Every structure is written in structure tokens, then in C-alpha cells.
Amino acid sequence: MRRRKNIAGLSLVELVVAFTILLLLTSMAVPLARTRVRRDKERELRFALREMRMAIDKYKDACDQGTFGPAKMDTECFPETLEQLVEGATVANDANGKKIKFLRRIPKDPMTGMTDWGFRNMKDDPKSLSWGGQHVFDVYTKSYEKARDGTSYSDW
């Protein structure tokens, strides 16, 4: 029999070496990808919290200026719910019933994947995970996970 000089293909040893190299590269890339995803979620969480807290502060400022008329009892000029920031608050003494909106929508919590946020009011303990219900002074994520620096996401 004649041997061919231009035989193409890989030997078994070459295949094993190639797959071993691919396995090593993949095992190094997966933790980097997970870190990247977590960092992106943390960035989204910070943005969502900042957006809602700014809307709460703008509502408080407008209420303190008397834009909505006299404040309801026990609200201390804070919104009662986040939905109130989306639906808008009616301006007092406006014949057309004009509303001022502070949020376009309630942002999705990137840690839980839902729009269900935790609330605190002025009388609640800053570390409390329960809400008194009178008004919304602050928001936090309901995720029990911890950040890379060891702090709980609900403390952000």
C-alpha cells in the first residue's frame, strides 16, 4: 500500500491537548463573566435607588412649598406610595386638575427582578426591614444577598 503524503487531521494526543486548553480557558472565563453580571446589577441597583430617592425628595420639596395644599396627617409631606409618584399629585387650586408626576415608572429591582421594593418611613429604624405604612421616606431592595464589599444590598 501506498502512503499519502498530505494527510490532514489531528492525532488523539493533539485533540486531548486542545480540549484541555479550551477547558482551562473556559474555567477562567466563567468567574469573570459572573463578576461582570454582578457588577452590572449593582450599577443598575444604585441607579434605580438614586432615581426613586430623587423623586421622593422632589415630591417632599413640592409638598413643603404647599404645591399640593395641606399635607395629610402622618405623611410629613412624603408620598404615601411609589405609585403616587408615577400617577402624579394634583396641584392645589388648579382649575384644570393638573398633576405633577415624579417618576415615569417604578424601576425594576435588578436583584429580585420585580418592582417590589422595601419601604421605610421617618419613624422606622434605619436597619428595619418592616414598614410602618404611613409614608415612603426611603426605599431599599428586598434581596438578602451581600455585595462584594460584604454589605447587604438592603443597606444601600
N, C-alpha and C. Protein backbone atom coordinates (compact mmCIF):
# COMPACT_ATOMS: atom_id res chain seq x y z
N MET A 1 0.82 -1.18 0.00
CA MET A 1 0.00 0.00 0.00
C MET A 1 0.87 1.24 0.00
N ARG A 2 0.28 2.22 -0.58
CA ARG A 2 0.97 3.49 -0.65
C ARG A 2 0.52 4.43 0.45
N ARG A 3 1.46 5.18 0.96
CA ARG A 3 1.12 6.19 1.98
C ARG A 3 0.89 7.53 1.31
N ARG A 4 -0.12 8.23 1.80
CA ARG A 4 -0.35 9.58 1.30
C ARG A 4 0.55 10.55 2.05
N LYS A 5 1.06 11.50 1.33
CA LYS A 5 1.94 12.47 1.97
C LYS A 5 1.17 13.64 2.59
N ASN A 6 0.03 13.99 2.06
CA ASN A 6 -0.74 15.14 2.55
C ASN A 6 -1.95 14.68 3.35
N ILE A 7 -1.71 13.99 4.43
CA ILE A 7 -2.80 13.54 5.29
C ILE A 7 -3.14 14.68 6.24
N ALA A 8 -4.43 15.08 6.24
CA ALA A 8 -4.89 16.16 7.12
C ALA A 8 -5.65 15.55 8.28
N GLY A 9 -5.55 16.17 9.46
CA GLY A 9 -6.27 15.69 10.62
C GLY A 9 -5.42 15.82 11.86
N LEU A 10 -6.04 15.50 12.99
CA LEU A 10 -5.34 15.61 14.27
C LEU A 10 -5.23 14.24 14.91
N SER A 11 -4.15 14.08 15.60
CA SER A 11 -3.99 12.82 16.32
C SER A 11 -4.76 12.91 17.64
N LEU A 12 -4.91 11.81 18.32
CA LEU A 12 -5.63 11.77 19.59
C LEU A 12 -4.95 12.65 20.64
N VAL A 13 -3.66 12.66 20.68
CA VAL A 13 -2.91 13.47 21.64
C VAL A 13 -3.16 14.95 21.38
N GLU A 14 -3.16 15.35 20.12
CA GLU A 14 -3.41 16.76 19.79
C GLU A 14 -4.82 17.18 20.20
N LEU A 15 -5.79 16.31 20.00
CA LEU A 15 -7.16 16.61 20.41
C LEU A 15 -7.28 16.75 21.92
N VAL A 16 -6.64 15.87 22.67
CA VAL A 16 -6.68 15.94 24.13
C VAL A 16 -6.05 17.23 24.62
N VAL A 17 -4.94 17.63 24.05
CA VAL A 17 -4.26 18.87 24.44
C VAL A 17 -5.14 20.08 24.11
N ALA A 18 -5.75 20.08 22.93
CA ALA A 18 -6.60 21.21 22.53
C ALA A 18 -7.81 21.34 23.46
N PHE A 19 -8.46 20.22 23.78
CA PHE A 19 -9.61 20.27 24.68
C PHE A 19 -9.21 20.67 26.09
N THR A 20 -8.03 20.27 26.54
CA THR A 20 -7.56 20.66 27.87
C THR A 20 -7.33 22.17 27.93
N ILE A 21 -6.76 22.72 26.88
CA ILE A 21 -6.55 24.18 26.83
C ILE A 21 -7.89 24.91 26.82
N LEU A 22 -8.85 24.43 26.03
CA LEU A 22 -10.18 25.04 26.00
C LEU A 22 -10.87 24.96 27.36
N LEU A 23 -10.72 23.85 28.03
CA LEU A 23 -11.31 23.68 29.36
C LEU A 23 -10.72 24.68 30.36
N LEU A 24 -9.41 24.85 30.32
CA LEU A 24 -8.76 25.82 31.21
C LEU A 24 -9.21 27.25 30.92
N LEU A 25 -9.28 27.61 29.66
CA LEU A 25 -9.72 28.97 29.30
C LEU A 25 -11.17 29.21 29.71
N THR A 26 -12.01 28.22 29.52
CA THR A 26 -13.42 28.35 29.91
C THR A 26 -13.56 28.47 31.42
N SER A 27 -12.80 27.67 32.16
CA SER A 27 -12.91 27.73 33.62
C SER A 27 -12.41 29.06 34.17
N MET A 28 -11.56 29.75 33.45
CA MET A 28 -11.11 31.08 33.88
C MET A 28 -12.11 32.16 33.46
N ALA A 29 -12.83 31.96 32.36
CA ALA A 29 -13.74 32.98 31.84
C ALA A 29 -15.06 33.03 32.60
N VAL A 30 -15.55 31.91 33.10
CA VAL A 30 -16.85 31.87 33.77
C VAL A 30 -16.88 32.76 35.02
N PRO A 31 -15.90 32.69 35.93
CA PRO A 31 -15.95 33.60 37.09
C PRO A 31 -15.88 35.07 36.69
N LEU A 32 -15.13 35.38 35.64
CA LEU A 32 -15.08 36.76 35.18
C LEU A 32 -16.43 37.22 34.66
N ALA A 33 -17.12 36.35 33.95
CA ALA A 33 -18.45 36.70 33.44
C ALA A 33 -19.44 36.89 34.59
N ARG A 34 -19.37 36.03 35.60
CA ARG A 34 -20.27 36.18 36.76
C ARG A 34 -20.01 37.48 37.50
N THR A 35 -18.75 37.84 37.65
CA THR A 35 -18.39 39.10 38.30
C THR A 35 -18.92 40.28 37.51
N ARG A 36 -18.82 40.19 36.20
CA ARG A 36 -19.30 41.27 35.33
C ARG A 36 -20.82 41.44 35.47
N VAL A 37 -21.55 40.33 35.46
CA VAL A 37 -23.01 40.38 35.60
C VAL A 37 -23.39 40.98 36.95
N ARG A 38 -22.71 40.56 38.00
CA ARG A 38 -23.00 41.08 39.35
C ARG A 38 -22.71 42.58 39.43
N ARG A 39 -21.61 43.01 38.84
CA ARG A 39 -21.25 44.42 38.84
C ARG A 39 -22.30 45.24 38.08
N ASP A 40 -22.80 44.70 36.97
CA ASP A 40 -23.84 45.39 36.21
C ASP A 40 -25.13 45.51 37.03
N LYS A 41 -25.50 44.45 37.74
CA LYS A 41 -26.69 44.50 38.58
C LYS A 41 -26.53 45.52 39.70
N GLU A 42 -25.34 45.59 40.29
CA GLU A 42 -25.08 46.57 41.34
C GLU A 42 -25.21 47.99 40.80
N ARG A 43 -24.70 48.22 39.60
CA ARG A 43 -24.80 49.54 38.99
C ARG A 43 -26.28 49.89 38.74
N GLU A 44 -27.05 48.93 38.23
CA GLU A 44 -28.48 49.17 38.00
C GLU A 44 -29.22 49.44 39.31
N LEU A 45 -28.85 48.72 40.36
CA LEU A 45 -29.48 48.94 41.67
C LEU A 45 -29.20 50.34 42.18
N ARG A 46 -27.95 50.76 42.10
CA ARG A 46 -27.61 52.13 42.54
C ARG A 46 -28.40 53.18 41.76
N PHE A 47 -28.50 52.98 40.45
CA PHE A 47 -29.23 53.94 39.61
C PHE A 47 -30.71 53.97 39.99
N ALA A 48 -31.33 52.80 40.15
CA ALA A 48 -32.75 52.74 40.49
C ALA A 48 -33.02 53.39 41.84
N LEU A 49 -32.18 53.08 42.83
CA LEU A 49 -32.35 53.69 44.16
C LEU A 49 -32.19 55.21 44.10
N ARG A 50 -31.18 55.67 43.35
CA ARG A 50 -30.96 57.11 43.23
C ARG A 50 -32.15 57.78 42.56
N GLU A 51 -32.69 57.15 41.51
CA GLU A 51 -33.83 57.71 40.79
C GLU A 51 -35.06 57.84 41.69
N MET A 52 -35.35 56.79 42.44
CA MET A 52 -36.53 56.83 43.32
C MET A 52 -36.33 57.79 44.48
N ARG A 53 -35.14 57.82 45.06
CA ARG A 53 -34.88 58.74 46.18
C ARG A 53 -34.95 60.19 45.73
N MET A 54 -34.48 60.47 44.52
CA MET A 54 -34.58 61.84 44.00
C MET A 54 -36.05 62.22 43.78
N ALA A 55 -36.85 61.28 43.29
CA ALA A 55 -38.28 61.55 43.08
C ALA A 55 -38.98 61.80 44.42
N ILE A 56 -38.64 61.02 45.44
CA ILE A 56 -39.21 61.22 46.77
C ILE A 56 -38.83 62.60 47.30
N ASP A 57 -37.56 62.99 47.12
CA ASP A 57 -37.10 64.30 47.58
C ASP A 57 -37.80 65.44 46.84
N LYS A 58 -38.00 65.29 45.53
CA LYS A 58 -38.70 66.33 44.76
C LYS A 58 -40.15 66.46 45.20
N TYR A 59 -40.78 65.32 45.48
CA TYR A 59 -42.15 65.35 45.99
C TYR A 59 -42.19 66.08 47.33
N LYS A 60 -41.27 65.75 48.20
CA LYS A 60 -41.21 66.38 49.53
C LYS A 60 -41.02 67.89 49.40
N ASP A 61 -40.10 68.31 48.52
CA ASP A 61 -39.87 69.74 48.32
C ASP A 61 -41.14 70.45 47.82
N ALA A 62 -41.82 69.84 46.84
CA ALA A 62 -43.04 70.44 46.30
C ALA A 62 -44.13 70.50 47.37
N CYS A 63 -44.24 69.47 48.17
CA CYS A 63 -45.25 69.44 49.23
C CYS A 63 -44.94 70.48 50.31
N ASP A 64 -43.66 70.61 50.66
CA ASP A 64 -43.27 71.61 51.66
C ASP A 64 -43.57 73.02 51.19
N GLN A 65 -43.54 73.25 49.89
CA GLN A 65 -43.84 74.57 49.33
C GLN A 65 -45.34 74.82 49.22
N GLY A 66 -46.15 73.82 49.55
CA GLY A 66 -47.60 73.97 49.52
C GLY A 66 -48.20 73.74 48.15
N THR A 67 -47.48 73.12 47.25
CA THR A 67 -47.96 72.90 45.89
C THR A 67 -49.21 72.03 45.86
N PHE A 68 -49.32 71.07 46.76
CA PHE A 68 -50.45 70.14 46.78
C PHE A 68 -51.47 70.49 47.85
N GLY A 69 -51.33 71.63 48.46
CA GLY A 69 -52.22 72.02 49.54
C GLY A 69 -51.70 71.50 50.86
N PRO A 70 -52.54 71.47 51.88
CA PRO A 70 -52.07 70.99 53.19
C PRO A 70 -51.72 69.50 53.14
N ALA A 71 -50.67 69.14 53.83
CA ALA A 71 -50.21 67.74 53.85
C ALA A 71 -51.15 66.89 54.69
N LYS A 72 -51.28 65.62 54.30
CA LYS A 72 -52.11 64.69 55.06
C LYS A 72 -51.44 64.40 56.40
N MET A 73 -52.25 64.02 57.33
CA MET A 73 -51.76 63.69 58.67
C MET A 73 -50.80 62.50 58.60
N ASP A 74 -49.73 62.52 59.36
CA ASP A 74 -48.74 61.45 59.48
C ASP A 74 -47.91 61.19 58.23
N THR A 75 -48.05 62.01 57.18
CA THR A 75 -47.22 61.79 55.99
C THR A 75 -45.95 62.64 56.04
N GLU A 76 -45.97 63.69 56.80
CA GLU A 76 -44.84 64.61 56.92
C GLU A 76 -44.37 65.08 55.55
N CYS A 77 -45.30 65.22 54.61
CA CYS A 77 -45.07 65.68 53.24
C CYS A 77 -44.28 64.68 52.39
N PHE A 78 -44.30 63.43 52.76
CA PHE A 78 -43.69 62.39 51.93
C PHE A 78 -44.80 61.65 51.19
N PRO A 79 -44.51 61.04 50.04
CA PRO A 79 -45.55 60.29 49.33
C PRO A 79 -45.99 59.07 50.14
N GLU A 80 -47.25 58.69 49.96
CA GLU A 80 -47.76 57.53 50.69
C GLU A 80 -47.30 56.21 50.05
N THR A 81 -47.13 56.23 48.72
CA THR A 81 -46.68 55.05 47.98
C THR A 81 -45.81 55.50 46.81
N LEU A 82 -45.10 54.56 46.21
CA LEU A 82 -44.34 54.87 44.99
C LEU A 82 -45.28 55.12 43.82
N GLU A 83 -46.43 54.44 43.82
CA GLU A 83 -47.40 54.63 42.74
C GLU A 83 -47.87 56.09 42.68
N GLN A 84 -47.90 56.75 43.81
CA GLN A 84 -48.29 58.15 43.85
C GLN A 84 -47.29 59.01 43.07
N LEU A 85 -46.04 58.62 43.06
CA LEU A 85 -45.03 59.35 42.30
C LEU A 85 -45.21 59.14 40.79
N VAL A 86 -45.71 57.97 40.42
CA VAL A 86 -45.93 57.66 39.00
C VAL A 86 -47.23 58.28 38.50
N GLU A 87 -48.31 58.13 39.27
CA GLU A 87 -49.61 58.66 38.88
C GLU A 87 -49.63 60.18 38.93
N GLY A 88 -48.86 60.76 39.84
CA GLY A 88 -48.80 62.20 39.97
C GLY A 88 -49.67 62.71 41.11
N ALA A 89 -49.33 63.87 41.58
CA ALA A 89 -50.08 64.52 42.67
C ALA A 89 -50.77 65.74 42.09
N THR A 90 -52.03 65.93 42.45
CA THR A 90 -52.83 67.03 41.93
C THR A 90 -52.40 68.35 42.58
N VAL A 91 -52.20 69.34 41.74
CA VAL A 91 -51.80 70.67 42.22
C VAL A 91 -53.01 71.34 42.85
N ALA A 92 -52.81 71.91 44.02
CA ALA A 92 -53.90 72.59 44.73
C ALA A 92 -54.28 73.87 44.00
N ASN A 93 -55.54 74.21 44.05
CA ASN A 93 -56.08 75.45 43.47
C ASN A 93 -55.83 75.55 41.97
N ASP A 94 -55.83 74.43 41.27
CA ASP A 94 -55.71 74.44 39.82
C ASP A 94 -57.04 74.00 39.22
N ALA A 95 -57.64 74.85 38.42
CA ALA A 95 -58.97 74.57 37.87
C ALA A 95 -58.96 73.36 36.93
N ASN A 96 -57.85 73.11 36.28
CA ASN A 96 -57.76 72.01 35.31
C ASN A 96 -57.41 70.68 35.96
N GLY A 97 -57.10 70.68 37.23
CA GLY A 97 -56.72 69.44 37.91
C GLY A 97 -55.36 68.93 37.46
N LYS A 98 -54.44 69.84 37.22
CA LYS A 98 -53.10 69.47 36.76
C LYS A 98 -52.39 68.58 37.78
N LYS A 99 -51.68 67.58 37.26
CA LYS A 99 -50.93 66.68 38.11
C LYS A 99 -49.44 66.81 37.80
N ILE A 100 -48.65 66.69 38.85
CA ILE A 100 -47.20 66.68 38.69
C ILE A 100 -46.73 65.25 38.93
N LYS A 101 -46.04 64.70 37.93
CA LYS A 101 -45.52 63.34 38.04
C LYS A 101 -44.03 63.40 38.35
N PHE A 102 -43.57 62.48 39.18
CA PHE A 102 -42.18 62.49 39.61
C PHE A 102 -41.39 61.29 39.09
N LEU A 103 -42.09 60.23 38.69
CA LEU A 103 -41.46 59.05 38.09
C LEU A 103 -42.26 58.64 36.86
N ARG A 104 -41.58 58.17 35.83
CA ARG A 104 -42.29 57.63 34.67
C ARG A 104 -42.85 56.25 34.98
N ARG A 105 -42.07 55.49 35.70
CA ARG A 105 -42.46 54.14 36.08
C ARG A 105 -41.66 53.76 37.31
N ILE A 106 -42.12 52.73 38.00
CA ILE A 106 -41.36 52.23 39.14
C ILE A 106 -40.27 51.31 38.56
N PRO A 107 -39.01 51.61 38.83
CA PRO A 107 -37.95 50.77 38.25
C PRO A 107 -37.98 49.35 38.78
N LYS A 108 -37.50 48.43 37.97
CA LYS A 108 -37.42 47.03 38.37
C LYS A 108 -36.17 46.85 39.23
N ASP A 109 -36.33 46.11 40.31
CA ASP A 109 -35.21 45.80 41.18
C ASP A 109 -34.34 44.75 40.47
N PRO A 110 -33.10 45.10 40.13
CA PRO A 110 -32.26 44.14 39.39
C PRO A 110 -31.88 42.91 40.21
N MET A 111 -31.95 42.99 41.52
CA MET A 111 -31.57 41.86 42.36
C MET A 111 -32.70 40.84 42.48
N THR A 112 -33.94 41.31 42.50
CA THR A 112 -35.08 40.39 42.63
C THR A 112 -35.82 40.21 41.31
N GLY A 113 -35.63 41.12 40.37
CA GLY A 113 -36.31 41.03 39.08
C GLY A 113 -37.76 41.51 39.13
N MET A 114 -38.17 42.15 40.21
CA MET A 114 -39.56 42.62 40.35
C MET A 114 -39.55 44.11 40.71
N THR A 115 -40.73 44.71 40.66
CA THR A 115 -40.86 46.12 41.07
C THR A 115 -41.30 46.24 42.51
N ASP A 116 -41.11 45.18 43.27
CA ASP A 116 -41.49 45.15 44.68
C ASP A 116 -40.30 45.60 45.53
N TRP A 117 -40.37 46.81 46.03
CA TRP A 117 -39.29 47.39 46.83
C TRP A 117 -39.69 47.42 48.29
N GLY A 118 -38.72 47.49 49.16
CA GLY A 118 -38.97 47.68 50.58
C GLY A 118 -39.03 49.17 50.88
N PHE A 119 -39.85 49.56 51.85
CA PHE A 119 -40.02 50.97 52.21
C PHE A 119 -39.69 51.19 53.67
N ARG A 120 -39.29 52.41 53.96
CA ARG A 120 -39.11 52.87 55.34
C ARG A 120 -39.78 54.23 55.46
N ASN A 121 -40.32 54.51 56.65
CA ASN A 121 -40.83 55.86 56.89
C ASN A 121 -39.94 56.54 57.92
N MET A 122 -40.27 57.76 58.26
CA MET A 122 -39.41 58.55 59.17
C MET A 122 -39.30 57.91 60.55
N LYS A 123 -40.32 57.21 60.99
CA LYS A 123 -40.33 56.67 62.34
C LYS A 123 -39.70 55.28 62.42
N ASP A 124 -39.46 54.65 61.27
CA ASP A 124 -38.86 53.31 61.27
C ASP A 124 -37.37 53.38 61.61
N ASP A 125 -36.88 52.30 62.17
CA ASP A 125 -35.46 52.15 62.42
C ASP A 125 -34.74 52.06 61.07
N PRO A 126 -33.61 52.74 60.88
CA PRO A 126 -32.91 52.69 59.59
C PRO A 126 -32.52 51.29 59.13
N LYS A 127 -32.34 50.36 60.04
CA LYS A 127 -31.98 48.98 59.69
C LYS A 127 -33.20 48.07 59.59
N SER A 128 -34.38 48.60 59.89
CA SER A 128 -35.59 47.80 59.92
C SER A 128 -35.95 47.31 58.52
N LEU A 129 -36.48 46.09 58.45
CA LEU A 129 -36.96 45.54 57.18
C LEU A 129 -38.48 45.49 57.15
N SER A 130 -39.13 46.20 58.08
CA SER A 130 -40.59 46.30 58.07
C SER A 130 -40.96 47.78 57.92
N TRP A 131 -42.15 48.00 57.42
CA TRP A 131 -42.59 49.35 57.09
C TRP A 131 -43.79 49.71 57.93
N GLY A 132 -43.75 50.91 58.52
CA GLY A 132 -44.86 51.39 59.33
C GLY A 132 -46.10 51.70 58.53
N GLY A 133 -45.95 52.08 57.26
CA GLY A 133 -47.08 52.27 56.37
C GLY A 133 -47.62 53.67 56.21
N GLN A 134 -47.15 54.65 56.97
CA GLN A 134 -47.71 55.99 56.86
C GLN A 134 -47.26 56.70 55.58
N HIS A 135 -45.99 56.61 55.26
CA HIS A 135 -45.44 57.29 54.09
C HIS A 135 -44.14 56.61 53.68
N VAL A 136 -43.63 57.01 52.51
CA VAL A 136 -42.38 56.44 51.99
C VAL A 136 -41.28 57.49 52.15
N PHE A 137 -40.40 57.25 53.08
CA PHE A 137 -39.25 58.12 53.31
C PHE A 137 -38.02 57.61 52.55
N ASP A 138 -37.89 56.27 52.47
CA ASP A 138 -36.74 55.67 51.82
C ASP A 138 -37.15 54.34 51.20
N VAL A 139 -36.37 53.88 50.22
CA VAL A 139 -36.61 52.58 49.57
C VAL A 139 -35.34 51.74 49.66
N TYR A 140 -35.52 50.43 49.60
CA TYR A 140 -34.38 49.51 49.61
C TYR A 140 -34.79 48.24 48.88
N THR A 141 -33.80 47.47 48.45
CA THR A 141 -34.07 46.20 47.79
C THR A 141 -34.44 45.15 48.82
N LYS A 142 -35.28 44.22 48.43
CA LYS A 142 -35.68 43.14 49.32
C LYS A 142 -34.76 41.92 49.19
N SER A 143 -33.68 42.07 48.45
CA SER A 143 -32.72 40.99 48.28
C SER A 143 -31.92 40.79 49.56
N TYR A 144 -31.66 39.54 49.91
CA TYR A 144 -30.87 39.23 51.10
C TYR A 144 -29.40 39.00 50.77
N GLU A 145 -29.03 39.19 49.51
CA GLU A 145 -27.65 38.95 49.08
C GLU A 145 -26.73 40.03 49.64
N LYS A 146 -25.46 39.70 49.62
CA LYS A 146 -24.44 40.65 50.08
C LYS A 146 -23.61 41.11 48.88
N ALA A 147 -23.14 42.34 48.97
CA ALA A 147 -22.31 42.92 47.92
C ALA A 147 -20.89 42.38 48.04
N ARG A 148 -20.07 42.73 47.07
CA ARG A 148 -18.67 42.27 47.08
C ARG A 148 -17.91 42.79 48.29
N ASP A 149 -18.31 43.96 48.79
CA ASP A 149 -17.61 44.52 49.96
C ASP A 149 -18.16 43.98 51.28
N GLY A 150 -19.14 43.06 51.23
CA GLY A 150 -19.66 42.44 52.43
C GLY A 150 -20.91 43.09 52.99
N THR A 151 -21.30 44.25 52.49
CA THR A 151 -22.50 44.91 52.98
C THR A 151 -23.74 44.28 52.32
N SER A 152 -24.84 44.34 53.01
CA SER A 152 -26.09 43.83 52.47
C SER A 152 -26.66 44.84 51.48
N TYR A 153 -27.21 44.33 50.39
CA TYR A 153 -27.80 45.24 49.38
C TYR A 153 -28.95 46.05 49.97
N SER A 154 -29.64 45.51 50.96
CA SER A 154 -30.76 46.24 51.55
C SER A 154 -30.29 47.45 52.38
N ASP A 155 -28.99 47.52 52.67
CA ASP A 155 -28.45 48.68 53.41
C ASP A 155 -28.01 49.81 52.49
N TRP A 156 -28.08 49.58 51.19
CA TRP A 156 -27.59 50.63 50.26
C TRP A 156 -28.49 51.81 50.23
